[in-house]
Amino acid sequence: MDNILITGANGQLGSEIKILAAQDAANRYFFTDIDSLDICRPDDIDRFVAENGINLIINCAAYTDVEKAEDNKDLCTRINAEAPRHLAQSASRHGAGLIHISTDYVFDGHSCLPYREEHPCSPQSVYGETKALGERYIAESGCNAIIIRTAWLYSEFGKNFVKTMLRLGRERDCLNVVFDQIGTPTYALDLAKAILKIKDSTFVPGIYHFSNEGVCSWYDFTTEIFRQADIRSCKVRPVHTHEYPTKAARPCYSVLDKTKIKDTFGLEIPHWADSLSVCLKNMEKQ
């Protein structure tokens, strides 16, 4: 039996792992959030890991508000960079493994081909900078770590693009959505399943990419959300990024190449539109 610590357990990914873990009687899970374990406090992490004999840490905690991060760099750095360093150092001291979730925002978005793991990081936002720094700190710790970069995460839990579009689509007659930012949505349940499969496989440290299969723009994603949810009263209008100004720069292209994670761990990844359908059905059950 492994003792597994999940940080950020009340977020989208942590909530999905919690559901799956209920079916795993072979291991013991410790689901924590800031109220039960402040990962910005290294002594608290060390104590928790030691007292509970933690074998594996899965870090789902992050500061993910890309816009607010531009004005809250110190807080964003503490959560996205310093906290992963504390977790990695504690894992190294206690002989535990670490699975850490990172982001496509570590790239500048100027590529026209899917990003492979070895592509140089060049973040264009505070959020991306802090996530890239977190990756570097983990590497410097020397701990047994797997870093999984993902993108466009959504689920039936928490705040996310799918839930926002469903709400706006039912409230408005017209919606402007950018069509010149290209990537791939990721259903948090699919990522959670991948993490648990990786956990049960031979642990091969390194950086990996995971999203659902396929490619789309935010405009394409929205039109498919509306099609599947049968929202017909709201017109979706494609607009350029410069027509929708934001504080934080978003990657224009952030498709992730998933060859490495599929080959290493034998993963089969669903297409994003199929996973969207599953998520919408799960929302109806809530």
C-alpha atoms as a PDB file:
ATOM      1  CA  MET A   1       0.000   0.000   0.000  1.00  0.00           C
ATOM      2  CA  ASP A   2       1.264   3.455  -0.951  1.00  0.00           C
ATOM      3  CA  ASN A   3       0.469   6.571   1.046  1.00  0.00           C
ATOM      4  CA  ILE A   4      -0.352   9.276  -1.494  1.00  0.00           C
ATOM      5  CA  LEU A   5      -0.604  12.985  -0.753  1.00  0.00           C
ATOM      6  CA  ILE A   6      -2.838  15.052  -3.052  1.00  0.00           C
ATOM      7  CA  THR A   7      -2.406  18.817  -2.749  1.00  0.00           C
ATOM      8  CA  GLY A   8      -4.974  21.230  -4.173  1.00  0.00           C
ATOM      9  CA  ALA A   9      -7.562  18.496  -3.624  1.00  0.00           C
ATOM     10  CA  ASN A  10     -10.572  20.801  -3.952  1.00  0.00           C
ATOM     11  CA  GLY A  11      -9.655  22.056  -7.419  1.00  0.00           C
ATOM     12  CA  GLN A  12     -10.743  20.623 -10.746  1.00  0.00           C
ATOM     13  CA  LEU A  13      -8.066  17.952 -11.020  1.00  0.00           C
ATOM     14  CA  GLY A  14      -7.979  17.101  -7.327  1.00  0.00           C
ATOM     15  CA  SER A  15     -11.755  16.617  -7.301  1.00  0.00           C
ATOM     16  CA  GLU A  16     -11.545  14.181 -10.221  1.00  0.00           C
ATOM     17  CA  ILE A  17      -8.729  12.234  -8.555  1.00  0.00           C
ATOM     18  CA  LYS A  18     -10.817  12.046  -5.386  1.00  0.00           C
ATOM     19  CA  ILE A  19     -13.640  10.332  -7.273  1.00  0.00           C
ATOM     20  CA  LEU A  20     -11.295   7.817  -8.908  1.00  0.00           C
ATOM     21  CA  ALA A  21      -9.392   7.158  -5.672  1.00  0.00           C
ATOM     22  CA  ALA A  22     -12.605   6.002  -3.993  1.00  0.00           C
ATOM     23  CA  GLN A  23     -12.324   2.889  -6.179  1.00  0.00           C
ATOM     24  CA  ASP A  24      -8.682   2.257  -5.214  1.00  0.00           C
ATOM     25  CA  ALA A  25      -8.643   0.248  -1.995  1.00  0.00           C
ATOM     26  CA  ALA A  26      -5.017  -0.774  -2.556  1.00  0.00           C
ATOM     27  CA  ASN A  27      -3.636   2.631  -1.582  1.00  0.00           C
ATOM     28  CA  ARG A  28      -4.212   5.268   1.072  1.00  0.00           C
ATOM     29  CA  TYR A  29      -4.904   8.826  -0.080  1.00  0.00           C
ATOM     30  CA  PHE A  30      -4.502  12.068   1.857  1.00  0.00           C
ATOM     31  CA  PHE A  31      -6.493  14.866   0.200  1.00  0.00           C
ATOM     32  CA  THR A  32      -5.392  18.303   1.343  1.00  0.00           C
ATOM     33  CA  ASP A  33      -5.967  21.937   0.534  1.00  0.00           C
ATOM     34  CA  ILE A  34      -4.662  25.082   2.167  1.00  0.00           C
ATOM     35  CA  ASP A  35      -6.938  24.589   5.198  1.00  0.00           C
ATOM     36  CA  SER A  36      -5.301  21.251   6.034  1.00  0.00           C
ATOM     37  CA  LEU A  37      -1.786  21.702   4.592  1.00  0.00           C
ATOM     38  CA  ASP A  38      -0.177  24.987   3.573  1.00  0.00           C
ATOM     39  CA  ILE A  39       2.373  23.960   0.935  1.00  0.00           C
ATOM     40  CA  CYS A  40       4.037  27.369   1.213  1.00  0.00           C
ATOM     41  CA  ARG A  41       5.308  26.253   4.651  1.00  0.00           C
ATOM     42  CA  PRO A  42       8.157  23.743   4.212  1.00  0.00           C
ATOM     43  CA  ASP A  43       8.175  22.623   7.856  1.00  0.00           C
ATOM     44  CA  ASP A  44       4.474  21.748   7.631  1.00  0.00           C
ATOM     45  CA  ILE A  45       5.100  19.699   4.498  1.00  0.00           C
ATOM     46  CA  ASP A  46       8.011  17.828   6.090  1.00  0.00           C
ATOM     47  CA  ARG A  47       5.966  17.034   9.175  1.00  0.00           C
ATOM     48  CA  PHE A  48       2.995  15.805   7.161  1.00  0.00           C
ATOM     49  CA  VAL A  49       5.122  13.636   4.871  1.00  0.00           C
ATOM     50  CA  ALA A  50       7.021  12.100   7.778  1.00  0.00           C
ATOM     51  CA  GLU A  51       4.035  11.498  10.056  1.00  0.00           C
ATOM     52  CA  ASN A  52       1.981   9.848   7.319  1.00  0.00           C
ATOM     53  CA  GLY A  53       4.751   7.911   5.603  1.00  0.00           C
ATOM     54  CA  ILE A  54       4.023   9.531   2.246  1.00  0.00           C
ATOM     55  CA  ASN A  55       5.419   7.605  -0.738  1.00  0.00           C
ATOM     56  CA  LEU A  56       4.067   9.848  -3.507  1.00  0.00           C
ATOM     57  CA  ILE A  57       3.024  13.501  -3.732  1.00  0.00           C
ATOM     58  CA  ILE A  58       0.660  14.575  -6.514  1.00  0.00           C
ATOM     59  CA  ASN A  59       0.710  18.362  -6.647  1.00  0.00           C
ATOM     60  CA  CYS A  60      -2.533  19.697  -8.128  1.00  0.00           C
ATOM     61  CA  ALA A  61      -2.271  23.048  -6.320  1.00  0.00           C
ATOM     62  CA  ALA A  62      -1.629  26.171  -8.384  1.00  0.00           C
ATOM     63  CA  TYR A  63      -2.421  29.839  -8.773  1.00  0.00           C
ATOM     64  CA  THR A  64      -4.300  29.681 -12.084  1.00  0.00           C
ATOM     65  CA  ASP A  65      -5.956  33.079 -12.494  1.00  0.00           C
ATOM     66  CA  VAL A  66      -3.832  34.240 -15.425  1.00  0.00           C
ATOM     67  CA  GLU A  67      -5.163  37.806 -15.379  1.00  0.00           C
ATOM     68  CA  LYS A  68      -4.884  38.417 -11.629  1.00  0.00           C
ATOM     69  CA  ALA A  69      -1.394  36.925 -11.642  1.00  0.00           C
ATOM     70  CA  GLU A  70      -0.145  40.024 -13.488  1.00  0.00           C
ATOM     71  CA  ASP A  71      -0.938  42.101 -10.383  1.00  0.00           C
ATOM     72  CA  ASN A  72      -0.140  39.412  -7.792  1.00  0.00           C
ATOM     73  CA  LYS A  73       3.293  38.185  -8.816  1.00  0.00           C
ATOM     74  CA  ASP A  74       4.541  37.550  -5.276  1.00  0.00           C
ATOM     75  CA  LEU A  75       1.590  35.335  -4.357  1.00  0.00           C
ATOM     76  CA  CYS A  76       1.695  33.595  -7.723  1.00  0.00           C
ATOM     77  CA  THR A  77       5.417  32.904  -7.260  1.00  0.00           C
ATOM     78  CA  ARG A  78       4.901  31.482  -3.780  1.00  0.00           C
ATOM     79  CA  ILE A  79       2.232  29.046  -4.957  1.00  0.00           C
ATOM     80  CA  ASN A  80       3.497  28.133  -8.436  1.00  0.00           C
ATOM     81  CA  ALA A  81       7.265  28.139  -7.861  1.00  0.00           C
ATOM     82  CA  GLU A  82       8.278  28.142  -4.209  1.00  0.00           C
ATOM     83  CA  ALA A  83       5.641  25.651  -3.029  1.00  0.00           C
ATOM     84  CA  PRO A  84       6.632  23.052  -5.670  1.00  0.00           C
ATOM     85  CA  ARG A  85      10.254  23.538  -4.573  1.00  0.00           C
ATOM     86  CA  HIS A  86       9.266  22.825  -0.959  1.00  0.00           C
ATOM     87  CA  LEU A  87       7.329  19.726  -2.030  1.00  0.00           C
ATOM     88  CA  ALA A  88      10.210  18.486  -4.172  1.00  0.00           C
ATOM     89  CA  GLN A  89      12.779  19.037  -1.424  1.00  0.00           C
ATOM     90  CA  SER A  90      10.601  17.216   1.086  1.00  0.00           C
ATOM     91  CA  ALA A  91      10.031  14.370  -1.365  1.00  0.00           C
ATOM     92  CA  SER A  92      13.787  14.107  -1.884  1.00  0.00           C
ATOM     93  CA  ARG A  93      14.509  14.038   1.859  1.00  0.00           C
ATOM     94  CA  HIS A  94      11.925  11.337   2.537  1.00  0.00           C
ATOM     95  CA  GLY A  95      12.447   9.208  -0.562  1.00  0.00           C
ATOM     96  CA  ALA A  96       9.028   9.964  -2.015  1.00  0.00           C
ATOM     97  CA  GLY A  97       8.081  10.494  -5.651  1.00  0.00           C
ATOM     98  CA  LEU A  98       6.473  13.662  -6.995  1.00  0.00           C
ATOM     99  CA  ILE A  99       3.996  14.189  -9.822  1.00  0.00           C
ATOM    100  CA  HIS A 100       3.627  17.906 -10.537  1.00  0.00           C
ATOM    101  CA  ILE A 101       1.186  19.580 -12.929  1.00  0.00           C
ATOM    102  CA  SER A 102       2.489  22.377 -15.147  1.00  0.00           C
ATOM    103  CA  THR A 103       1.151  24.253 -18.160  1.00  0.00           C
ATOM    104  CA  ASP A 104       1.393  25.103 -21.849  1.00  0.00           C
ATOM    105  CA  TYR A 105       1.938  28.725 -20.766  1.00  0.00           C
ATOM    106  CA  VAL A 106       5.636  27.977 -20.251  1.00  0.00           C
ATOM    107  CA  PHE A 107       5.915  28.368 -24.053  1.00  0.00           C
ATOM    108  CA  ASP A 108       5.707  31.608 -26.033  1.00  0.00           C
ATOM    109  CA  GLY A 109       3.111  30.290 -28.492  1.00  0.00           C
ATOM    110  CA  HIS A 110       5.100  31.267 -31.583  1.00  0.00           C
ATOM    111  CA  SER A 111       5.502  27.734 -32.907  1.00  0.00           C
ATOM    112  CA  CYS A 112       3.453  26.279 -35.746  1.00  0.00           C
ATOM    113  CA  LEU A 113       4.135  22.679 -34.718  1.00  0.00           C
ATOM    114  CA  PRO A 114       3.045  20.860 -31.538  1.00  0.00           C
ATOM    115  CA  TYR A 115       5.403  21.566 -28.652  1.00  0.00           C
ATOM    116  CA  ARG A 116       7.644  18.710 -27.567  1.00  0.00           C
ATOM    117  CA  GLU A 117       8.953  18.438 -24.024  1.00  0.00           C
ATOM    118  CA  GLU A 118      12.472  19.558 -24.899  1.00  0.00           C
ATOM    119  CA  HIS A 119      11.358  22.810 -26.547  1.00  0.00           C
ATOM    120  CA  PRO A 120      12.864  25.800 -24.684  1.00  0.00           C
ATOM    121  CA  CYS A 121      10.584  27.561 -22.230  1.00  0.00           C
ATOM    122  CA  SER A 122       9.822  31.190 -23.034  1.00  0.00           C
ATOM    123  CA  PRO A 123       6.798  32.271 -20.972  1.00  0.00           C
ATOM    124  CA  GLN A 124       5.042  35.513 -21.855  1.00  0.00           C
ATOM    125  CA  SER A 125       3.018  36.041 -18.660  1.00  0.00           C
ATOM    126  CA  VAL A 126       3.528  36.063 -14.901  1.00  0.00           C
ATOM    127  CA  TYR A 127       1.554  32.838 -14.647  1.00  0.00           C
ATOM    128  CA  GLY A 128       3.772  31.168 -17.241  1.00  0.00           C
ATOM    129  CA  GLU A 129       6.952  32.548 -15.672  1.00  0.00           C
ATOM    130  CA  THR A 130       6.077  31.202 -12.228  1.00  0.00           C
ATOM    131  CA  LYS A 131       5.100  27.788 -13.571  1.00  0.00           C
ATOM    132  CA  ALA A 132       8.376  27.554 -15.528  1.00  0.00           C
ATOM    133  CA  LEU A 133      10.270  28.543 -12.384  1.00  0.00           C
ATOM    134  CA  GLY A 134       8.463  25.816 -10.456  1.00  0.00           C
ATOM    135  CA  GLU A 135       9.625  23.276 -13.034  1.00  0.00           C
ATOM    136  CA  ARG A 136      13.207  24.504 -12.661  1.00  0.00           C
ATOM    137  CA  TYR A 137      13.113  24.325  -8.873  1.00  0.00           C
ATOM    138  CA  ILE A 138      11.836  20.737  -9.024  1.00  0.00           C
ATOM    139  CA  ALA A 139      14.639  19.765 -11.400  1.00  0.00           C
ATOM    140  CA  GLU A 140      17.222  21.398  -9.128  1.00  0.00           C
ATOM    141  CA  SER A 141      15.925  19.517  -6.078  1.00  0.00           C
ATOM    142  CA  GLY A 142      17.053  16.196  -7.514  1.00  0.00           C
ATOM    143  CA  CYS A 143      13.861  14.471  -6.405  1.00  0.00           C
ATOM    144  CA  ASN A 144      12.238  11.592  -8.285  1.00  0.00           C
ATOM    145  CA  ALA A 145       9.755  13.735 -10.222  1.00  0.00           C
ATOM    146  CA  ILE A 146       7.367  13.592 -13.140  1.00  0.00           C
ATOM    147  CA  ILE A 147       6.189  16.957 -14.477  1.00  0.00           C
ATOM    148  CA  ILE A 148       3.062  16.892 -16.632  1.00  0.00           C
ATOM    149  CA  ARG A 149       2.287  19.974 -18.699  1.00  0.00           C
ATOM    150  CA  THR A 150      -1.359  20.311 -19.634  1.00  0.00           C
ATOM    151  CA  ALA A 151      -3.614  22.918 -21.257  1.00  0.00           C
ATOM    152  CA  TRP A 152      -7.135  24.366 -21.308  1.00  0.00           C
ATOM    153  CA  LEU A 153      -8.262  22.335 -18.288  1.00  0.00           C
ATOM    154  CA  TYR A 154     -11.981  22.027 -17.560  1.00  0.00           C
ATOM    155  CA  SER A 155     -14.351  19.762 -15.625  1.00  0.00           C
ATOM    156  CA  GLU A 156     -17.710  19.713 -13.904  1.00  0.00           C
ATOM    157  CA  PHE A 157     -15.978  21.146 -10.807  1.00  0.00           C
ATOM    158  CA  GLY A 158     -14.845  24.689 -10.048  1.00  0.00           C
ATOM    159  CA  LYS A 159     -14.638  27.600 -12.469  1.00  0.00           C
ATOM    160  CA  ASN A 160     -13.579  26.932 -16.038  1.00  0.00           C
ATOM    161  CA  PHE A 161     -14.169  27.906 -19.658  1.00  0.00           C
ATOM    162  CA  VAL A 162     -16.848  25.298 -20.359  1.00  0.00           C
ATOM    163  CA  LYS A 163     -19.004  26.311 -17.405  1.00  0.00           C
ATOM    164  CA  THR A 164     -18.552  30.004 -18.214  1.00  0.00           C
ATOM    165  CA  MET A 165     -19.584  29.513 -21.849  1.00  0.00           C
ATOM    166  CA  LEU A 166     -22.630  27.474 -20.840  1.00  0.00           C
ATOM    167  CA  ARG A 167     -23.740  30.272 -18.524  1.00  0.00           C
ATOM    168  CA  LEU A 168     -23.082  33.079 -21.003  1.00  0.00           C
ATOM    169  CA  GLY A 169     -24.673  31.141 -23.851  1.00  0.00           C
ATOM    170  CA  ARG A 170     -27.915  30.920 -21.891  1.00  0.00           C
ATOM    171  CA  GLU A 171     -27.786  34.565 -20.812  1.00  0.00           C
ATOM    172  CA  ARG A 172     -26.788  36.360 -24.022  1.00  0.00           C
ATOM    173  CA  ASP A 173     -27.847  36.647 -27.651  1.00  0.00           C
ATOM    174  CA  CYS A 174     -24.283  37.046 -28.954  1.00  0.00           C
ATOM    175  CA  LEU A 175     -20.810  36.166 -27.712  1.00  0.00           C
ATOM    176  CA  ASN A 176     -17.382  37.200 -29.042  1.00  0.00           C
ATOM    177  CA  VAL A 177     -14.719  34.466 -28.812  1.00  0.00           C
ATOM    178  CA  VAL A 178     -11.148  34.583 -30.126  1.00  0.00           C
ATOM    179  CA  PHE A 179     -10.412  32.325 -33.100  1.00  0.00           C
ATOM    180  CA  ASP A 180      -6.660  32.953 -33.420  1.00  0.00           C
ATOM    181  CA  GLN A 181      -5.525  31.182 -30.246  1.00  0.00           C
ATOM    182  CA  ILE A 182      -5.045  27.495 -30.999  1.00  0.00           C
ATOM    183  CA  GLY A 183      -4.638  24.607 -28.562  1.00  0.00           C
ATOM    184  CA  THR A 184      -6.384  21.556 -27.167  1.00  0.00           C
ATOM    185  CA  PRO A 185      -8.906  21.322 -24.315  1.00  0.00           C
ATOM    186  CA  THR A 186      -8.200  18.865 -21.506  1.00  0.00           C
ATOM    187  CA  TYR A 187     -10.924  17.179 -19.496  1.00  0.00           C
ATOM    188  CA  ALA A 188      -9.607  16.944 -15.936  1.00  0.00           C
ATOM    189  CA  LEU A 189     -11.070  13.455 -15.545  1.00  0.00           C
ATOM    190  CA  ASP A 190      -8.907  12.191 -18.424  1.00  0.00           C
ATOM    191  CA  LEU A 191      -5.821  13.753 -16.851  1.00  0.00           C
ATOM    192  CA  ALA A 192      -6.722  12.246 -13.462  1.00  0.00           C
ATOM    193  CA  LYS A 193      -7.027   8.791 -15.040  1.00  0.00           C
ATOM    194  CA  ALA A 194      -3.655   9.263 -16.732  1.00  0.00           C
ATOM    195  CA  ILE A 195      -1.997  10.288 -13.457  1.00  0.00           C
ATOM    196  CA  LEU A 196      -3.322   7.240 -11.619  1.00  0.00           C
ATOM    197  CA  LYS A 197      -2.212   4.959 -14.435  1.00  0.00           C
ATOM    198  CA  ILE A 198       1.245   6.547 -14.355  1.00  0.00           C
ATOM    199  CA  LYS A 199       1.312   6.059 -10.580  1.00  0.00           C
ATOM    200  CA  ASP A 200       0.742   2.329 -11.052  1.00  0.00           C
ATOM    201  CA  SER A 201       3.321   2.044 -13.852  1.00  0.00           C
ATOM    202  CA  THR A 202       7.091   1.997 -13.696  1.00  0.00           C
ATOM    203  CA  PHE A 203       7.975   5.496 -12.471  1.00  0.00           C
ATOM    204  CA  VAL A 204       9.969   7.150 -15.248  1.00  0.00           C
ATOM    205  CA  PRO A 205      11.003  10.671 -14.146  1.00  0.00           C
ATOM    206  CA  GLY A 206      10.927  13.509 -16.632  1.00  0.00           C
ATOM    207  CA  ILE A 207       8.724  16.109 -18.292  1.00  0.00           C
ATOM    208  CA  TYR A 208       5.641  14.962 -20.212  1.00  0.00           C
ATOM    209  CA  HIS A 209       2.792  16.589 -22.112  1.00  0.00           C
ATOM    210  CA  PHE A 210      -0.875  15.683 -21.729  1.00  0.00           C
ATOM    211  CA  SER A 211      -4.039  17.094 -23.234  1.00  0.00           C
ATOM    212  CA  ASN A 212      -6.895  15.504 -25.100  1.00  0.00           C
ATOM    213  CA  GLU A 213      -6.352  14.629 -28.748  1.00  0.00           C
ATOM    214  CA  GLY A 214      -7.204  17.038 -31.553  1.00  0.00           C
ATOM    215  CA  VAL A 215      -6.736  20.761 -32.125  1.00  0.00           C
ATOM    216  CA  CYS A 216      -9.131  23.721 -32.005  1.00  0.00           C
ATOM    217  CA  SER A 217      -9.442  27.435 -31.329  1.00  0.00           C
ATOM    218  CA  TRP A 218     -11.396  28.898 -28.426  1.00  0.00           C
ATOM    219  CA  TYR A 219     -14.054  29.797 -31.013  1.00  0.00           C
ATOM    220  CA  ASP A 220     -14.229  26.193 -32.232  1.00  0.00           C
ATOM    221  CA  PHE A 221     -14.379  24.968 -28.648  1.00  0.00           C
ATOM    222  CA  THR A 222     -17.268  27.303 -27.858  1.00  0.00           C
ATOM    223  CA  THR A 223     -19.298  26.356 -30.926  1.00  0.00           C
ATOM    224  CA  GLU A 224     -18.898  22.673 -30.038  1.00  0.00           C
ATOM    225  CA  ILE A 225     -19.952  23.345 -26.426  1.00  0.00           C
ATOM    226  CA  PHE A 226     -23.078  25.080 -27.704  1.00  0.00           C
ATOM    227  CA  ARG A 227     -23.791  22.338 -30.254  1.00  0.00           C
ATOM    228  CA  GLN A 228     -23.554  19.557 -27.698  1.00  0.00           C
ATOM    229  CA  ALA A 229     -25.492  21.527 -25.057  1.00  0.00           C
ATOM    230  CA  ASP A 230     -28.145  22.456 -27.647  1.00  0.00           C
ATOM    231  CA  ILE A 231     -27.707  26.199 -27.065  1.00  0.00           C
ATOM    232  CA  ARG A 232     -29.135  27.803 -30.209  1.00  0.00           C
ATOM    233  CA  SER A 233     -30.228  31.258 -29.055  1.00  0.00           C
ATOM    234  CA  CYS A 234     -26.688  32.682 -28.711  1.00  0.00           C
ATOM    235  CA  LYS A 235     -24.653  33.547 -31.794  1.00  0.00           C
ATOM    236  CA  VAL A 236     -20.889  32.985 -31.465  1.00  0.00           C
ATOM    237  CA  ARG A 237     -18.833  35.610 -33.278  1.00  0.00           C
ATOM    238  CA  PRO A 238     -15.144  34.896 -34.035  1.00  0.00           C
ATOM    239  CA  VAL A 239     -12.831  37.787 -33.131  1.00  0.00           C
ATOM    240  CA  HIS A 240      -9.077  38.456 -33.194  1.00  0.00           C
ATOM    241  CA  THR A 241      -7.070  38.449 -29.984  1.00  0.00           C
ATOM    242  CA  HIS A 242      -6.387  42.193 -30.351  1.00  0.00           C
ATOM    243  CA  GLU A 243     -10.142  42.798 -30.255  1.00  0.00           C
ATOM    244  CA  TYR A 244     -10.279  41.218 -26.804  1.00  0.00           C
ATOM    245  CA  PRO A 245      -7.375  42.841 -24.909  1.00  0.00           C
ATOM    246  CA  THR A 246      -6.128  41.263 -21.682  1.00  0.00           C
ATOM    247  CA  LYS A 247      -3.359  42.077 -19.198  1.00  0.00           C
ATOM    248  CA  ALA A 248      -1.677  38.699 -19.635  1.00  0.00           C
ATOM    249  CA  ALA A 249      -0.383  37.512 -22.987  1.00  0.00           C
ATOM    250  CA  ARG A 250      -1.834  34.183 -24.103  1.00  0.00           C
ATOM    251  CA  PRO A 251       0.025  31.737 -26.370  1.00  0.00           C
ATOM    252  CA  CYS A 252      -1.316  32.010 -29.930  1.00  0.00           C
ATOM    253  CA  TYR A 253      -0.445  28.349 -30.482  1.00  0.00           C
ATOM    254  CA  SER A 254       0.059  25.898 -27.625  1.00  0.00           C
ATOM    255  CA  VAL A 255      -0.726  22.454 -28.996  1.00  0.00           C
ATOM    256  CA  LEU A 256       1.214  19.855 -26.999  1.00  0.00           C
ATOM    257  CA  ASP A 257       2.869  16.811 -28.556  1.00  0.00           C
ATOM    258  CA  LYS A 258       1.798  13.806 -26.443  1.00  0.00           C
ATOM    259  CA  THR A 259       3.918  11.125 -28.096  1.00  0.00           C
ATOM    260  CA  LYS A 260       6.273  10.722 -25.129  1.00  0.00           C
ATOM    261  CA  ILE A 261       3.614  10.179 -22.453  1.00  0.00           C
ATOM    262  CA  LYS A 262       1.639   7.798 -24.663  1.00  0.00           C
ATOM    263  CA  ASP A 263       4.671   5.702 -25.547  1.00  0.00           C
ATOM    264  CA  THR A 264       6.162   5.659 -22.040  1.00  0.00           C
ATOM    265  CA  PHE A 265       3.014   4.772 -20.110  1.00  0.00           C
ATOM    266  CA  GLY A 266       0.825   3.135 -22.774  1.00  0.00           C
ATOM    267  CA  LEU A 267      -1.886   5.779 -22.600  1.00  0.00           C
ATOM    268  CA  GLU A 268      -4.835   6.030 -24.968  1.00  0.00           C
ATOM    269  CA  ILE A 269      -6.167   9.589 -24.967  1.00  0.00           C
ATOM    270  CA  PRO A 270      -9.706  10.520 -26.107  1.00  0.00           C
ATOM    271  CA  HIS A 271     -10.467  13.276 -28.604  1.00  0.00           C
ATOM    272  CA  TRP A 272     -11.437  16.553 -26.966  1.00  0.00           C
ATOM    273  CA  ALA A 273     -14.942  16.615 -28.447  1.00  0.00           C
ATOM    274  CA  ASP A 274     -15.691  13.123 -27.108  1.00  0.00           C
ATOM    275  CA  SER A 275     -14.450  14.074 -23.641  1.00  0.00           C
ATOM    276  CA  LEU A 276     -16.522  17.251 -23.727  1.00  0.00           C
ATOM    277  CA  SER A 277     -19.584  15.073 -24.267  1.00  0.00           C
ATOM    278  CA  VAL A 278     -18.696  12.972 -21.208  1.00  0.00           C
ATOM    279  CA  CYS A 279     -18.188  16.094 -19.088  1.00  0.00           C
ATOM    280  CA  LEU A 280     -21.522  17.606 -20.105  1.00  0.00           C
ATOM    281  CA  LYS A 281     -23.290  14.362 -19.211  1.00  0.00           C
ATOM    282  CA  ASN A 282     -21.554  14.341 -15.823  1.00  0.00           C
ATOM    283  CA  MET A 283     -22.666  17.932 -15.246  1.00  0.00           C
ATOM    284  CA  GLU A 284     -26.271  16.865 -15.796  1.00  0.00           C
ATOM    285  CA  LYS A 285     -25.924  14.296 -13.004  1.00  0.00           C
ATOM    286  CA  GLN A 286     -24.847  16.874 -10.444  1.00  0.00           C
END
